[in-house]
Protein backbone atom coordinates (compact mmCIF):
# COMPACT_ATOMS: atom_id res chain seq x y z
CA MET A 1 13.11 -199.03 17.14
CA ALA A 2 10.40 -197.82 19.50
CA GLU A 3 8.09 -195.12 18.23
CA LEU A 4 9.06 -192.03 20.22
CA VAL A 5 6.76 -189.38 18.75
CA ASP A 6 3.16 -189.46 17.60
CA ALA A 7 0.53 -186.79 16.94
CA THR A 8 -3.11 -186.30 17.78
CA GLU A 9 -5.63 -185.96 14.97
CA LYS A 10 -5.91 -182.21 15.69
CA ALA A 11 -2.14 -181.85 15.36
CA ARG A 12 -2.15 -183.84 12.10
CA GLN A 13 -4.89 -181.61 10.68
CA LEU A 14 -2.97 -178.46 11.62
CA ILE A 15 0.20 -179.86 10.04
CA GLN A 16 -1.70 -180.41 6.79
CA GLN A 17 -3.12 -176.87 6.96
CA LEU A 18 0.36 -175.42 7.49
CA LYS A 19 1.83 -177.57 4.71
CA ALA A 20 -0.82 -176.25 2.30
CA LYS A 21 0.26 -172.69 3.10
CA HIS A 22 4.03 -173.05 3.62
CA GLY A 23 5.09 -176.22 1.78
CA ASP A 24 7.40 -178.79 3.39
CA LEU A 25 7.78 -178.43 7.14
CA MET A 26 10.06 -179.57 9.92
CA PHE A 27 9.76 -179.73 13.71
CA HIS A 28 12.35 -179.19 16.40
CA GLN A 29 11.67 -179.73 20.08
CA SER A 30 12.94 -176.51 21.61
CA GLY A 31 15.19 -176.81 24.61
CA GLY A 32 13.80 -173.85 26.49
CA CYS A 33 14.43 -170.49 24.82
CA CYS A 34 11.53 -168.00 24.72
CA ASP A 35 8.59 -170.33 25.28
CA GLY A 36 10.13 -173.01 27.46
CA SER A 37 10.52 -176.50 26.06
CA ALA A 38 8.09 -176.51 23.14
CA PRO A 39 7.75 -178.12 19.71
CA MET A 40 8.58 -175.60 17.01
CA CYS A 41 7.28 -175.87 13.45
CA PHE A 42 9.32 -174.29 10.66
CA GLU A 43 9.42 -174.33 6.89
CA ALA A 44 11.78 -177.14 5.85
CA GLY A 45 15.39 -175.93 5.96
CA GLU A 46 14.62 -172.80 7.98
CA LEU A 47 16.43 -174.22 11.01
CA MET A 48 19.91 -175.63 10.54
CA ILE A 49 20.14 -179.29 11.60
CA ASP A 50 23.50 -180.95 12.25
CA ASP A 51 25.14 -183.81 14.15
CA SER A 52 23.97 -182.29 17.43
CA ASP A 53 20.33 -183.08 16.51
CA VAL A 54 18.50 -186.42 16.61
CA LEU A 55 15.73 -187.33 14.16
CA LEU A 56 13.00 -188.84 16.35
CA ALA A 57 10.16 -189.33 13.87
CA GLU A 58 8.36 -188.15 10.78
CA LEU A 59 4.87 -186.77 11.31
CA GLU A 60 2.74 -186.28 8.22
CA GLY A 61 5.96 -186.38 6.19
CA CYS A 62 7.67 -183.77 8.39
CA PRO A 63 10.89 -184.64 10.25
CA PHE A 64 10.79 -184.12 14.04
CA TYR A 65 14.17 -183.37 15.67
CA MET A 66 15.52 -182.79 19.15
CA SER A 67 19.02 -181.78 20.24
CA ALA A 68 21.17 -184.76 21.24
CA PHE A 69 21.81 -183.13 24.61
CA GLN A 70 18.07 -182.85 25.32
CA TYR A 71 17.43 -186.32 23.92
CA LYS A 72 19.58 -187.83 26.68
CA TYR A 73 16.95 -186.65 29.17
CA TRP A 74 13.86 -187.40 27.05
CA LYS A 75 14.85 -190.73 25.46
CA HIS A 76 12.79 -192.64 28.03
CA SER A 77 9.62 -190.76 27.06
CA HIS A 78 7.02 -191.14 24.37
CA LEU A 79 6.00 -187.72 23.05
CA THR A 80 2.62 -186.85 21.58
CA LEU A 81 2.34 -183.67 19.53
CA ASP A 82 -0.95 -181.92 20.26
CA VAL A 83 -2.55 -178.51 19.65
CA ILE A 84 -4.23 -176.12 22.05
CA PRO A 85 -5.69 -172.63 21.65
CA GLY A 86 -3.37 -169.82 22.66
CA ARG A 87 -0.37 -167.90 21.50
CA GLY A 88 3.03 -169.13 22.49
CA ALA A 89 6.02 -166.81 22.60
CA SER A 90 7.82 -168.53 19.74
CA PHE A 91 8.52 -168.32 16.03
CA SER A 92 6.58 -171.51 15.25
CA LEU A 93 4.36 -171.30 12.16
CA GLU A 94 1.06 -172.00 13.96
CA ILE A 95 1.32 -169.00 16.32
CA PRO A 96 -0.41 -166.45 13.98
CA LEU A 97 -3.44 -168.80 13.89
CA GLY A 98 -3.99 -168.39 17.64
CA LEU A 99 -2.91 -171.99 18.21
CA ARG A 100 0.17 -173.63 19.59
CA PHE A 101 1.72 -177.06 19.38
CA ILE A 102 2.44 -178.69 22.71
CA ILE A 103 4.01 -181.97 23.79
CA ARG A 104 2.32 -184.47 26.06
CA SER A 105 4.61 -187.17 27.38
CA ARG A 106 4.58 -190.52 29.11
CA LEU A 107 7.35 -192.87 30.15
CA LEU A 108 8.17 -195.65 27.71
CA THR A 109 7.23 -199.18 28.66
CA ASP A 110 10.13 -201.51 29.48
CA GLU A 111 9.69 -203.14 26.06
CA GLU A 112 9.76 -199.78 24.25
CA ALA A 113 12.74 -198.54 26.31
CA ALA A 114 14.78 -201.61 25.31
CA GLN A 115 14.45 -200.49 21.65
CA VAL A 116 15.59 -196.89 22.08
CA LYS A 117 18.77 -195.83 20.32
CA ASP A 118 21.55 -193.93 22.07
CA ALA A 119 22.56 -190.55 20.73
């Protein structure tokens, strides 16, 4: 299976900071409500996950999900979770810190794309 999601060192540090304050976390790549398509960080279990979601990765021990519908469009991309200064219009846990998670993307190589699962 190709690695579909990774994180920058800044994102990993922020995840650890949020875990120290909130405990176990989870991520869901938002499909566009409120703040556009953005990675959202929640306390584990705060967002209901079901068969309509795809587990893409675990980052610092935190599951990273995307809706299956959205995954059909993004499955040919490698996503990198990063952090920038600013306040997004979302309910993600980093927002009160004056930071926001963002996604940077690139197309998968042919070799990586051949390993991607269908959802």
